[in-house]
Amino acid sequence: EGRFDSQIIPIEAPVVDQNFERTGETINVTVDEVPRESSLEALAGLRPVAREDGIHTAGTSSQIADGGAAVLMMSAEKATELGLTPMARIKASTLVGCDPVLMLEGPIPATEKLLAESGLNIDDINVFEVNEAFAAVVLAWAKTVGADPARVNPNGGAIALGHPLGATGCFLITKAVHELRRTGGRYGIISMCCGGGLGTGTLIENVT
């Protein structure tokens, strides 16, 4: 459907040979290598990793991916001064701590704190972008906070699209902003877990 066309900037990348040496040629990259083709049957046949009775498989875990993302942020006053039209505003943001043994649950308290501080409830949020380091992270989060699954990672999470460290937060905000614009929704929540038992959350509002 081309939902990412407005979010992706074409990049000139060097062409390498079979020894990964540059050939001097370049290629215009407009589409990533993901999502990869798969099926429910293929995913169901994957073995758990780390432990025989585990639940995480290569099909329920985010893939290794490189990526970069950027957003332009400024005050409303600066945007007016420069004659720029904002796409969204940050209504609230938070950083929370949780049990480091259960560090992947960070998005749960982060989401709950954002809702409490903003006076909104879960049904007021039109789109959620929750980092899918593992499928269990998003499933546990959705079950706990009561989010409508149809509003969660509507255009794919990290399992389908990748989880480029250092770019994921910006990438998720970009996806949320564009999805709100596409659907006419008002509010979006972006949340992710971090190492050491941290969770981050950002509440944005569509102003277009």
N, C-alpha and C. Protein backbone atom coordinates (compact mmCIF):
# COMPACT_ATOMS: atom_id res chain seq x y z
N GLU A 1 0.81 -1.21 0.00
CA GLU A 1 0.00 0.00 0.00
C GLU A 1 0.85 1.26 0.00
N GLY A 2 2.14 1.13 0.22
CA GLY A 2 3.00 2.31 0.24
C GLY A 2 2.89 3.14 1.50
N ARG A 3 2.52 2.51 2.60
CA ARG A 3 2.34 3.27 3.85
C ARG A 3 3.63 3.89 4.36
N PHE A 4 4.77 3.33 3.98
CA PHE A 4 6.04 3.87 4.46
C PHE A 4 6.69 4.83 3.47
N ASP A 5 6.05 5.04 2.33
CA ASP A 5 6.67 5.87 1.30
C ASP A 5 6.99 7.28 1.80
N SER A 6 6.11 7.84 2.62
CA SER A 6 6.33 9.21 3.11
C SER A 6 7.33 9.26 4.26
N GLN A 7 7.78 8.08 4.73
CA GLN A 7 8.68 8.03 5.88
C GLN A 7 10.11 7.66 5.50
N ILE A 8 10.31 7.16 4.28
CA ILE A 8 11.62 6.65 3.89
C ILE A 8 12.30 7.59 2.90
N ILE A 9 13.54 7.93 3.20
CA ILE A 9 14.35 8.74 2.29
C ILE A 9 15.28 7.81 1.51
N PRO A 10 15.25 7.84 0.18
CA PRO A 10 16.17 6.98 -0.60
C PRO A 10 17.63 7.28 -0.25
N ILE A 11 18.43 6.24 -0.18
CA ILE A 11 19.85 6.37 0.19
C ILE A 11 20.72 5.78 -0.91
N GLU A 12 21.77 6.52 -1.31
CA GLU A 12 22.75 5.98 -2.24
C GLU A 12 23.74 5.12 -1.46
N ALA A 13 23.77 3.84 -1.75
CA ALA A 13 24.63 2.92 -1.02
C ALA A 13 25.66 2.30 -1.96
N PRO A 14 26.87 2.03 -1.46
CA PRO A 14 27.89 1.42 -2.32
C PRO A 14 27.57 -0.03 -2.64
N VAL A 15 27.91 -0.45 -3.84
CA VAL A 15 27.77 -1.85 -4.24
C VAL A 15 29.07 -2.57 -3.91
N VAL A 16 28.98 -3.75 -3.28
CA VAL A 16 30.17 -4.52 -2.92
C VAL A 16 30.17 -5.84 -3.67
N ASP A 17 31.37 -6.41 -3.81
CA ASP A 17 31.48 -7.71 -4.47
C ASP A 17 31.32 -8.82 -3.44
N GLN A 18 31.59 -10.07 -3.86
CA GLN A 18 31.39 -11.21 -2.96
C GLN A 18 32.35 -11.20 -1.77
N ASN A 19 33.42 -10.40 -1.87
CA ASN A 19 34.36 -10.27 -0.75
C ASN A 19 34.07 -9.01 0.07
N PHE A 20 32.93 -8.38 -0.21
CA PHE A 20 32.49 -7.16 0.48
C PHE A 20 33.42 -5.98 0.23
N GLU A 21 34.09 -6.00 -0.91
CA GLU A 21 34.91 -4.87 -1.33
C GLU A 21 34.08 -3.97 -2.24
N ARG A 22 34.23 -2.67 -2.08
CA ARG A 22 33.46 -1.73 -2.89
C ARG A 22 33.86 -1.83 -4.36
N THR A 23 32.85 -1.79 -5.22
CA THR A 23 33.10 -1.89 -6.65
C THR A 23 33.21 -0.53 -7.31
N GLY A 24 32.87 0.51 -6.59
CA GLY A 24 32.85 1.85 -7.16
C GLY A 24 31.48 2.25 -7.68
N GLU A 25 30.57 1.29 -7.75
CA GLU A 25 29.21 1.57 -8.18
C GLU A 25 28.33 1.83 -6.96
N THR A 26 27.20 2.46 -7.19
CA THR A 26 26.25 2.70 -6.11
C THR A 26 24.86 2.25 -6.55
N ILE A 27 24.00 2.05 -5.58
CA ILE A 27 22.62 1.65 -5.83
C ILE A 27 21.71 2.53 -4.99
N ASN A 28 20.57 2.89 -5.54
CA ASN A 28 19.61 3.71 -4.82
C ASN A 28 18.67 2.80 -4.03
N VAL A 29 18.81 2.82 -2.71
CA VAL A 29 18.03 1.94 -1.84
C VAL A 29 16.76 2.66 -1.40
N THR A 30 15.63 2.13 -1.78
CA THR A 30 14.34 2.73 -1.41
C THR A 30 13.48 1.79 -0.57
N VAL A 31 13.85 0.50 -0.53
CA VAL A 31 13.08 -0.49 0.21
C VAL A 31 14.04 -1.37 0.99
N ASP A 32 13.72 -1.63 2.26
CA ASP A 32 14.54 -2.51 3.07
C ASP A 32 14.34 -3.97 2.67
N GLU A 33 15.18 -4.83 3.25
CA GLU A 33 15.09 -6.26 2.96
C GLU A 33 13.93 -6.92 3.70
N VAL A 34 13.28 -6.21 4.60
CA VAL A 34 12.21 -6.79 5.41
C VAL A 34 10.90 -6.12 5.04
N PRO A 35 9.74 -6.71 5.40
CA PRO A 35 9.59 -7.95 6.15
C PRO A 35 9.89 -9.18 5.30
N ARG A 36 10.34 -10.22 5.98
CA ARG A 36 10.66 -11.47 5.29
C ARG A 36 9.41 -12.32 5.11
N GLU A 37 9.40 -13.10 4.04
CA GLU A 37 8.26 -13.99 3.79
C GLU A 37 8.26 -15.13 4.81
N SER A 38 7.09 -15.46 5.31
CA SER A 38 6.97 -16.57 6.25
C SER A 38 5.52 -17.05 6.24
N SER A 39 5.23 -18.00 7.11
CA SER A 39 3.87 -18.52 7.24
C SER A 39 3.67 -18.96 8.67
N LEU A 40 2.42 -19.11 9.08
CA LEU A 40 2.13 -19.58 10.44
C LEU A 40 2.72 -20.96 10.67
N GLU A 41 2.68 -21.80 9.64
CA GLU A 41 3.21 -23.16 9.76
C GLU A 41 4.73 -23.14 9.98
N ALA A 42 5.42 -22.28 9.23
CA ALA A 42 6.88 -22.19 9.37
C ALA A 42 7.25 -21.64 10.75
N LEU A 43 6.52 -20.63 11.21
CA LEU A 43 6.81 -20.04 12.51
C LEU A 43 6.55 -21.04 13.64
N ALA A 44 5.49 -21.83 13.50
CA ALA A 44 5.14 -22.81 14.53
C ALA A 44 6.19 -23.91 14.64
N GLY A 45 6.95 -24.13 13.58
CA GLY A 45 7.94 -25.19 13.58
C GLY A 45 9.30 -24.79 14.12
N LEU A 46 9.48 -23.52 14.46
CA LEU A 46 10.77 -23.06 14.97
C LEU A 46 10.99 -23.51 16.41
N ARG A 47 12.23 -23.87 16.74
CA ARG A 47 12.55 -24.33 18.08
C ARG A 47 12.81 -23.16 19.01
N PRO A 48 12.46 -23.28 20.29
CA PRO A 48 12.77 -22.23 21.26
C PRO A 48 14.28 -22.07 21.41
N VAL A 49 14.70 -20.88 21.77
CA VAL A 49 16.11 -20.62 22.03
C VAL A 49 16.35 -20.53 23.53
N ALA A 50 17.58 -20.73 23.94
CA ALA A 50 18.04 -20.59 25.33
C ALA A 50 17.62 -21.77 26.21
N ARG A 51 16.39 -22.25 26.07
CA ARG A 51 15.94 -23.38 26.90
C ARG A 51 14.90 -24.17 26.12
N GLU A 52 14.88 -25.47 26.37
CA GLU A 52 14.00 -26.36 25.60
C GLU A 52 12.53 -26.04 25.81
N ASP A 53 12.16 -25.61 27.03
CA ASP A 53 10.76 -25.32 27.31
C ASP A 53 10.46 -23.83 27.20
N GLY A 54 11.34 -23.10 26.49
CA GLY A 54 11.16 -21.66 26.35
C GLY A 54 10.06 -21.31 25.36
N ILE A 55 9.73 -20.02 25.34
CA ILE A 55 8.67 -19.54 24.44
C ILE A 55 9.22 -18.67 23.32
N HIS A 56 10.48 -18.22 23.46
CA HIS A 56 11.04 -17.33 22.45
C HIS A 56 11.70 -18.14 21.34
N THR A 57 11.34 -17.82 20.10
CA THR A 57 11.96 -18.44 18.94
C THR A 57 12.46 -17.33 18.02
N ALA A 58 13.13 -17.72 16.95
CA ALA A 58 13.59 -16.73 15.98
C ALA A 58 12.41 -16.01 15.34
N GLY A 59 11.24 -16.64 15.37
CA GLY A 59 10.07 -16.03 14.77
C GLY A 59 9.29 -15.12 15.69
N THR A 60 9.61 -15.16 16.99
CA THR A 60 8.93 -14.28 17.95
C THR A 60 9.90 -13.28 18.57
N SER A 61 11.04 -13.11 17.92
CA SER A 61 12.07 -12.18 18.41
C SER A 61 12.40 -11.17 17.32
N SER A 62 12.79 -9.97 17.73
CA SER A 62 13.17 -8.96 16.75
C SER A 62 14.45 -9.39 16.05
N GLN A 63 14.55 -9.03 14.80
CA GLN A 63 15.71 -9.42 14.01
C GLN A 63 16.88 -8.44 14.20
N ILE A 64 18.06 -8.88 13.82
CA ILE A 64 19.21 -7.99 13.81
C ILE A 64 19.05 -7.06 12.61
N ALA A 65 19.10 -5.76 12.85
CA ALA A 65 18.86 -4.81 11.77
C ALA A 65 19.65 -3.53 11.99
N ASP A 66 20.10 -2.96 10.89
CA ASP A 66 20.70 -1.63 10.91
C ASP A 66 19.64 -0.63 10.49
N GLY A 67 19.77 0.59 10.95
CA GLY A 67 18.80 1.59 10.53
C GLY A 67 19.14 2.94 11.10
N GLY A 68 18.53 3.95 10.55
CA GLY A 68 18.69 5.30 11.05
C GLY A 68 17.38 6.04 10.91
N ALA A 69 17.12 6.96 11.81
CA ALA A 69 15.88 7.73 11.76
C ALA A 69 16.15 9.12 12.31
N ALA A 70 15.33 10.07 11.90
CA ALA A 70 15.48 11.44 12.38
C ALA A 70 14.13 12.13 12.43
N VAL A 71 13.95 12.96 13.43
CA VAL A 71 12.78 13.83 13.51
C VAL A 71 13.27 15.24 13.84
N LEU A 72 12.51 16.23 13.44
CA LEU A 72 12.84 17.62 13.72
C LEU A 72 11.96 18.09 14.86
N MET A 73 12.58 18.47 15.98
CA MET A 73 11.84 18.89 17.17
C MET A 73 12.17 20.34 17.50
N MET A 74 11.15 21.07 17.94
CA MET A 74 11.35 22.46 18.36
C MET A 74 10.12 22.92 19.12
N SER A 75 10.22 24.09 19.72
CA SER A 75 9.07 24.65 20.42
C SER A 75 8.05 25.17 19.41
N ALA A 76 6.81 25.35 19.86
CA ALA A 76 5.77 25.90 18.99
C ALA A 76 6.15 27.30 18.53
N GLU A 77 6.79 28.05 19.43
CA GLU A 77 7.20 29.42 19.09
C GLU A 77 8.24 29.42 17.97
N LYS A 78 9.19 28.47 18.05
CA LYS A 78 10.22 28.40 17.03
C LYS A 78 9.63 27.99 15.69
N ALA A 79 8.67 27.07 15.71
CA ALA A 79 8.04 26.64 14.47
C ALA A 79 7.32 27.81 13.80
N THR A 80 6.65 28.62 14.62
CA THR A 80 5.96 29.80 14.08
C THR A 80 6.95 30.78 13.49
N GLU A 81 8.06 30.98 14.22
CA GLU A 81 9.11 31.90 13.76
C GLU A 81 9.68 31.47 12.41
N LEU A 82 9.85 30.17 12.22
CA LEU A 82 10.44 29.65 10.98
C LEU A 82 9.40 29.38 9.89
N GLY A 83 8.14 29.57 10.22
CA GLY A 83 7.10 29.34 9.23
C GLY A 83 6.87 27.87 8.94
N LEU A 84 7.13 27.02 9.92
CA LEU A 84 6.96 25.58 9.74
C LEU A 84 5.63 25.10 10.32
N THR A 85 5.05 24.09 9.70
CA THR A 85 3.79 23.53 10.18
C THR A 85 4.07 22.23 10.93
N PRO A 86 3.81 22.19 12.23
CA PRO A 86 4.08 20.97 13.00
C PRO A 86 3.15 19.83 12.62
N MET A 87 3.64 18.61 12.77
CA MET A 87 2.85 17.42 12.50
C MET A 87 2.24 16.86 13.78
N ALA A 88 2.94 17.03 14.90
CA ALA A 88 2.47 16.49 16.17
C ALA A 88 3.14 17.25 17.30
N ARG A 89 2.55 17.15 18.48
CA ARG A 89 3.17 17.73 19.67
C ARG A 89 3.36 16.65 20.72
N ILE A 90 4.42 16.79 21.49
CA ILE A 90 4.65 15.87 22.61
C ILE A 90 3.85 16.38 23.80
N LYS A 91 2.89 15.58 24.25
CA LYS A 91 2.04 15.96 25.38
C LYS A 91 2.67 15.56 26.70
N ALA A 92 3.38 14.45 26.73
CA ALA A 92 4.00 13.97 27.96
C ALA A 92 5.05 12.93 27.61
N SER A 93 6.02 12.79 28.50
CA SER A 93 7.02 11.73 28.34
C SER A 93 7.44 11.26 29.72
N THR A 94 7.92 10.04 29.79
CA THR A 94 8.28 9.49 31.09
C THR A 94 9.39 8.45 30.95
N LEU A 95 10.10 8.25 32.03
CA LEU A 95 11.11 7.19 32.16
C LEU A 95 10.86 6.53 33.50
N VAL A 96 10.64 5.24 33.50
CA VAL A 96 10.32 4.52 34.73
C VAL A 96 11.30 3.38 34.95
N GLY A 97 11.35 2.93 36.18
CA GLY A 97 12.17 1.78 36.52
C GLY A 97 11.29 0.62 36.95
N CYS A 98 11.74 -0.59 36.68
CA CYS A 98 11.01 -1.78 37.12
C CYS A 98 12.04 -2.85 37.48
N ASP A 99 11.57 -3.98 37.93
CA ASP A 99 12.45 -5.07 38.32
C ASP A 99 13.37 -5.43 37.15
N PRO A 100 14.70 -5.29 37.33
CA PRO A 100 15.61 -5.58 36.22
C PRO A 100 15.55 -7.03 35.75
N VAL A 101 15.12 -7.93 36.61
CA VAL A 101 14.97 -9.32 36.20
C VAL A 101 13.82 -9.44 35.19
N LEU A 102 12.82 -8.58 35.36
CA LEU A 102 11.67 -8.55 34.45
C LEU A 102 11.71 -7.28 33.63
N MET A 103 12.91 -6.91 33.17
CA MET A 103 13.11 -5.59 32.56
C MET A 103 12.24 -5.37 31.32
N LEU A 104 11.81 -6.43 30.69
CA LEU A 104 11.02 -6.27 29.47
C LEU A 104 9.60 -5.78 29.74
N GLU A 105 9.22 -5.66 31.01
CA GLU A 105 7.88 -5.18 31.32
C GLU A 105 7.83 -3.66 31.43
N GLY A 106 8.94 -2.97 31.15
CA GLY A 106 9.00 -1.52 31.28
C GLY A 106 7.88 -0.74 30.62
N PRO A 107 7.41 -1.14 29.41
CA PRO A 107 6.32 -0.39 28.77
C PRO A 107 5.02 -0.37 29.57
N ILE A 108 4.82 -1.36 30.45
CA ILE A 108 3.58 -1.41 31.22
C ILE A 108 3.49 -0.23 32.19
N PRO A 109 4.44 -0.07 33.14
CA PRO A 109 4.34 1.09 34.03
C PRO A 109 4.51 2.42 33.30
N ALA A 110 5.26 2.43 32.21
CA ALA A 110 5.43 3.68 31.46
C ALA A 110 4.10 4.13 30.87
N THR A 111 3.35 3.19 30.29
CA THR A 111 2.04 3.52 29.73
C THR A 111 1.08 3.95 30.81
N GLU A 112 1.05 3.23 31.91
CA GLU A 112 0.15 3.56 33.01
C GLU A 112 0.44 4.95 33.57
N LYS A 113 1.72 5.31 33.66
CA LYS A 113 2.10 6.63 34.17
C LYS A 113 1.68 7.73 33.20
N LEU A 114 1.89 7.52 31.91
CA LEU A 114 1.48 8.51 30.91
C LEU A 114 -0.02 8.77 30.98
N LEU A 115 -0.81 7.72 31.08
CA LEU A 115 -2.26 7.87 31.13
C LEU A 115 -2.68 8.60 32.40
N ALA A 116 -2.07 8.25 33.53
CA ALA A 116 -2.43 8.89 34.79
C ALA A 116 -2.09 10.37 34.78
N GLU A 117 -0.93 10.72 34.25
CA GLU A 117 -0.50 12.12 34.26
C GLU A 117 -1.25 12.97 33.24
N SER A 118 -1.73 12.36 32.17
CA SER A 118 -2.42 13.12 31.13
C SER A 118 -3.93 13.19 31.33
N GLY A 119 -4.45 12.34 32.21
CA GLY A 119 -5.89 12.30 32.43
C GLY A 119 -6.64 11.56 31.34
N LEU A 120 -5.93 10.83 30.50
CA LEU A 120 -6.55 10.05 29.43
C LEU A 120 -6.73 8.60 29.88
N ASN A 121 -7.59 7.87 29.19
CA ASN A 121 -7.69 6.44 29.45
C ASN A 121 -7.25 5.67 28.21
N ILE A 122 -7.12 4.38 28.35
CA ILE A 122 -6.53 3.57 27.29
C ILE A 122 -7.32 3.67 25.98
N ASP A 123 -8.63 3.88 26.08
CA ASP A 123 -9.46 3.95 24.87
C ASP A 123 -9.35 5.28 24.15
N ASP A 124 -8.72 6.27 24.79
CA ASP A 124 -8.51 7.57 24.14
C ASP A 124 -7.34 7.53 23.15
N ILE A 125 -6.52 6.51 23.25
CA ILE A 125 -5.31 6.43 22.43
C ILE A 125 -5.64 5.72 21.12
N ASN A 126 -5.31 6.36 20.02
CA ASN A 126 -5.67 5.83 18.70
C ASN A 126 -4.63 4.89 18.11
N VAL A 127 -3.37 5.06 18.50
CA VAL A 127 -2.33 4.17 17.99
C VAL A 127 -1.26 3.98 19.06
N PHE A 128 -0.80 2.76 19.19
CA PHE A 128 0.29 2.42 20.11
C PHE A 128 1.45 1.85 19.30
N GLU A 129 2.64 2.36 19.55
CA GLU A 129 3.85 1.77 18.99
C GLU A 129 4.68 1.28 20.17
N VAL A 130 4.65 -0.02 20.40
CA VAL A 130 5.35 -0.62 21.54
C VAL A 130 6.46 -1.50 20.99
N ASN A 131 7.68 -1.24 21.42
CA ASN A 131 8.81 -1.96 20.84
C ASN A 131 8.71 -3.45 21.08
N GLU A 132 8.81 -4.19 20.00
CA GLU A 132 8.60 -5.62 20.01
C GLU A 132 9.94 -6.35 20.05
N ALA A 133 10.70 -6.14 21.12
CA ALA A 133 11.95 -6.89 21.23
C ALA A 133 11.66 -8.38 21.14
N PHE A 134 10.57 -8.78 21.80
CA PHE A 134 10.04 -10.14 21.70
C PHE A 134 8.53 -10.03 21.67
N ALA A 135 7.87 -10.99 21.03
CA ALA A 135 6.41 -10.95 20.94
C ALA A 135 5.77 -10.93 22.33
N ALA A 136 6.39 -11.63 23.28
CA ALA A 136 5.83 -11.71 24.63
C ALA A 136 5.76 -10.34 25.30
N VAL A 137 6.67 -9.44 24.93
CA VAL A 137 6.67 -8.10 25.53
C VAL A 137 5.37 -7.38 25.21
N VAL A 138 5.01 -7.35 23.94
CA VAL A 138 3.81 -6.63 23.52
C VAL A 138 2.55 -7.35 24.00
N LEU A 139 2.55 -8.67 23.98
CA LEU A 139 1.38 -9.42 24.43
C LEU A 139 1.12 -9.20 25.91
N ALA A 140 2.18 -9.23 26.73
CA ALA A 140 2.02 -8.99 28.17
C ALA A 140 1.56 -7.56 28.42
N TRP A 141 2.15 -6.61 27.69
CA TRP A 141 1.76 -5.20 27.83
C TRP A 141 0.28 -5.01 27.48
N ALA A 142 -0.15 -5.54 26.32
CA ALA A 142 -1.53 -5.36 25.88
C ALA A 142 -2.52 -5.99 26.85
N LYS A 143 -2.18 -7.16 27.36
CA LYS A 143 -3.07 -7.84 28.31
C LYS A 143 -3.21 -7.05 29.59
N THR A 144 -2.11 -6.45 30.05
CA THR A 144 -2.12 -5.73 31.33
C THR A 144 -2.83 -4.39 31.23
N VAL A 145 -2.55 -3.62 30.18
CA VAL A 145 -3.12 -2.27 30.08
C VAL A 145 -4.48 -2.27 29.37
N GLY A 146 -4.85 -3.37 28.73
CA GLY A 146 -6.16 -3.46 28.09
C GLY A 146 -6.27 -2.75 26.77
N ALA A 147 -5.18 -2.67 26.02
CA ALA A 147 -5.20 -1.96 24.74
C ALA A 147 -5.89 -2.79 23.65
N ASP A 148 -6.56 -2.10 22.75
CA ASP A 148 -7.19 -2.74 21.59
C ASP A 148 -6.08 -3.24 20.66
N PRO A 149 -5.99 -4.55 20.42
CA PRO A 149 -4.91 -5.08 19.57
C PRO A 149 -4.86 -4.45 18.19
N ALA A 150 -6.00 -4.01 17.66
CA ALA A 150 -6.03 -3.42 16.32
C ALA A 150 -5.29 -2.09 16.27
N ARG A 151 -5.06 -1.48 17.42
CA ARG A 151 -4.38 -0.18 17.47
C ARG A 151 -2.89 -0.32 17.80
N VAL A 152 -2.44 -1.54 18.02
CA VAL A 152 -1.07 -1.79 18.47
C VAL A 152 -0.18 -2.17 17.29
N ASN A 153 0.90 -1.40 17.08
CA ASN A 153 1.84 -1.68 15.98
C ASN A 153 1.09 -2.02 14.69
N PRO A 154 0.18 -1.14 14.25
CA PRO A 154 -0.70 -1.48 13.13
C PRO A 154 0.01 -1.74 11.81
N ASN A 155 1.22 -1.23 11.66
CA ASN A 155 1.95 -1.44 10.41
C ASN A 155 3.16 -2.34 10.58
N GLY A 156 3.15 -3.12 11.67
CA GLY A 156 4.25 -4.04 11.91
C GLY A 156 5.15 -3.56 13.03
N GLY A 157 5.63 -4.52 13.82
CA GLY A 157 6.56 -4.20 14.90
C GLY A 157 7.97 -4.62 14.53
N ALA A 158 8.81 -4.77 15.55
CA ALA A 158 10.22 -5.05 15.31
C ALA A 158 10.46 -6.44 14.73
N ILE A 159 9.55 -7.38 14.97
CA ILE A 159 9.72 -8.71 14.40
C ILE A 159 9.64 -8.64 12.88
N ALA A 160 8.75 -7.82 12.37
CA ALA A 160 8.60 -7.67 10.92
C ALA A 160 9.56 -6.66 10.33
N LEU A 161 9.80 -5.56 11.05
CA LEU A 161 10.51 -4.43 10.46
C LEU A 161 11.93 -4.22 10.98
N GLY A 162 12.29 -4.86 12.09
CA GLY A 162 13.63 -4.69 12.64
C GLY A 162 13.64 -3.80 13.86
N HIS A 163 14.73 -3.90 14.62
CA HIS A 163 14.90 -3.17 15.88
C HIS A 163 16.31 -2.59 15.89
N PRO A 164 16.56 -1.55 15.07
CA PRO A 164 17.91 -0.97 15.01
C PRO A 164 18.22 -0.17 16.28
N LEU A 165 19.13 -0.68 17.09
CA LEU A 165 19.47 0.00 18.35
C LEU A 165 19.96 1.41 18.06
N GLY A 166 19.48 2.36 18.85
CA GLY A 166 19.86 3.74 18.66
C GLY A 166 18.94 4.50 17.73
N ALA A 167 18.15 3.78 16.95
CA ALA A 167 17.22 4.42 16.01
C ALA A 167 15.77 4.06 16.30
N THR A 168 15.56 3.05 17.14
CA THR A 168 14.21 2.52 17.35
C THR A 168 13.24 3.57 17.87
N GLY A 169 13.64 4.34 18.88
CA GLY A 169 12.72 5.33 19.46
C GLY A 169 12.23 6.32 18.43
N CYS A 170 13.15 6.86 17.66
CA CYS A 170 12.81 7.83 16.62
C CYS A 170 11.96 7.17 15.53
N PHE A 171 12.29 5.95 15.21
CA PHE A 171 11.55 5.18 14.20
C PHE A 171 10.10 4.98 14.64
N LEU A 172 9.90 4.62 15.91
CA LEU A 172 8.55 4.38 16.41
C LEU A 172 7.73 5.66 16.45
N ILE A 173 8.35 6.76 16.84
CA ILE A 173 7.64 8.04 16.85
C ILE A 173 7.24 8.43 15.42
N THR A 174 8.15 8.22 14.48
CA THR A 174 7.84 8.52 13.08
C THR A 174 6.64 7.70 12.60
N LYS A 175 6.65 6.41 12.92
CA LYS A 175 5.53 5.55 12.52
C LYS A 175 4.22 6.02 13.14
N ALA A 176 4.26 6.38 14.43
CA ALA A 176 3.04 6.82 15.12
C ALA A 176 2.50 8.12 14.53
N VAL A 177 3.39 9.07 14.27
CA VAL A 177 2.96 10.36 13.71
C VAL A 177 2.28 10.15 12.36
N HIS A 178 2.89 9.35 11.51
CA HIS A 178 2.32 9.14 10.17
C HIS A 178 1.04 8.32 10.21
N GLU A 179 0.93 7.39 11.15
CA GLU A 179 -0.30 6.61 11.26
C GLU A 179 -1.46 7.48 11.75
N LEU A 180 -1.18 8.39 12.68
CA LEU A 180 -2.22 9.32 13.14
C LEU A 180 -2.68 10.21 12.00
N ARG A 181 -1.74 10.66 11.20
CA ARG A 181 -2.11 11.49 10.04
C ARG A 181 -2.93 10.69 9.03
N ARG A 182 -2.55 9.45 8.81
CA ARG A 182 -3.24 8.61 7.82
C ARG A 182 -4.67 8.31 8.24
N THR A 183 -4.87 8.05 9.53
CA THR A 183 -6.18 7.63 10.02
C THR A 183 -7.01 8.76 10.61
N GLY A 184 -6.39 9.92 10.84
CA GLY A 184 -7.11 11.01 11.46
C GLY A 184 -7.23 10.87 12.96
N GLY A 185 -6.44 9.98 13.55
CA GLY A 185 -6.46 9.81 15.00
C GLY A 185 -5.83 10.99 15.72
N ARG A 186 -6.08 11.08 17.02
CA ARG A 186 -5.58 12.23 17.79
C ARG A 186 -4.36 11.90 18.64
N TYR A 187 -4.43 10.81 19.40
CA TYR A 187 -3.36 10.52 20.35
C TYR A 187 -2.61 9.23 20.01
N GLY A 188 -1.32 9.23 20.30
CA GLY A 188 -0.51 8.05 20.14
C GLY A 188 0.43 7.89 21.32
N ILE A 189 0.68 6.65 21.70
CA ILE A 189 1.66 6.35 22.76
C ILE A 189 2.76 5.49 22.16
N ILE A 190 3.99 5.89 22.44
CA ILE A 190 5.17 5.15 22.01
C ILE A 190 5.90 4.70 23.27
N SER A 191 6.20 3.42 23.37
CA SER A 191 6.86 2.92 24.58
C SER A 191 7.81 1.79 24.23
N MET A 192 8.85 1.66 25.04
CA MET A 192 9.80 0.57 24.83
C MET A 192 10.52 0.23 26.13
N CYS A 193 11.01 -0.98 26.19
CA CYS A 193 11.81 -1.41 27.33
C CYS A 193 13.27 -1.09 27.05
N CYS A 194 14.03 -0.91 28.12
CA CYS A 194 15.46 -0.62 28.00
C CYS A 194 16.22 -1.55 28.94
N GLY A 195 17.50 -1.71 28.69
CA GLY A 195 18.31 -2.56 29.54
C GLY A 195 18.37 -2.04 30.97
N GLY A 196 18.52 -2.94 31.92
CA GLY A 196 18.67 -2.54 33.32
C GLY A 196 17.36 -2.29 34.04
N GLY A 197 16.24 -2.60 33.42
CA GLY A 197 14.96 -2.43 34.09
C GLY A 197 14.31 -1.08 33.88
N LEU A 198 14.52 -0.47 32.73
CA LEU A 198 13.92 0.83 32.44
C LEU A 198 12.82 0.69 31.40
N GLY A 199 11.91 1.65 31.42
CA GLY A 199 10.87 1.73 30.40
C GLY A 199 10.64 3.18 30.05
N THR A 200 10.47 3.48 28.78
CA THR A 200 10.22 4.85 28.36
C THR A 200 8.83 4.94 27.73
N GLY A 201 8.27 6.13 27.78
CA GLY A 201 6.97 6.34 27.18
C GLY A 201 6.82 7.78 26.71
N THR A 202 6.19 7.96 25.56
CA THR A 202 5.93 9.29 25.03
C THR A 202 4.50 9.34 24.52
N LEU A 203 3.78 10.38 24.90
CA LEU A 203 2.42 10.61 24.43
C LEU A 203 2.45 11.76 23.44
N ILE A 204 1.98 11.51 22.22
CA ILE A 204 1.97 12.55 21.21
C ILE A 204 0.53 12.84 20.78
N GLU A 205 0.34 14.05 20.26
CA GLU A 205 -0.97 14.47 19.76
C GLU A 205 -0.84 14.94 18.32
N ASN A 206 -1.70 14.45 17.48
CA ASN A 206 -1.73 14.86 16.08
C ASN A 206 -2.29 16.28 16.00
N VAL A 207 -1.56 17.19 15.37
CA VAL A 207 -2.02 18.58 15.27
C VAL A 207 -2.24 18.99 13.82
N THR A 208 -2.29 18.02 12.91
CA THR A 208 -2.52 18.36 11.50
C THR A 208 -4.01 18.36 11.20
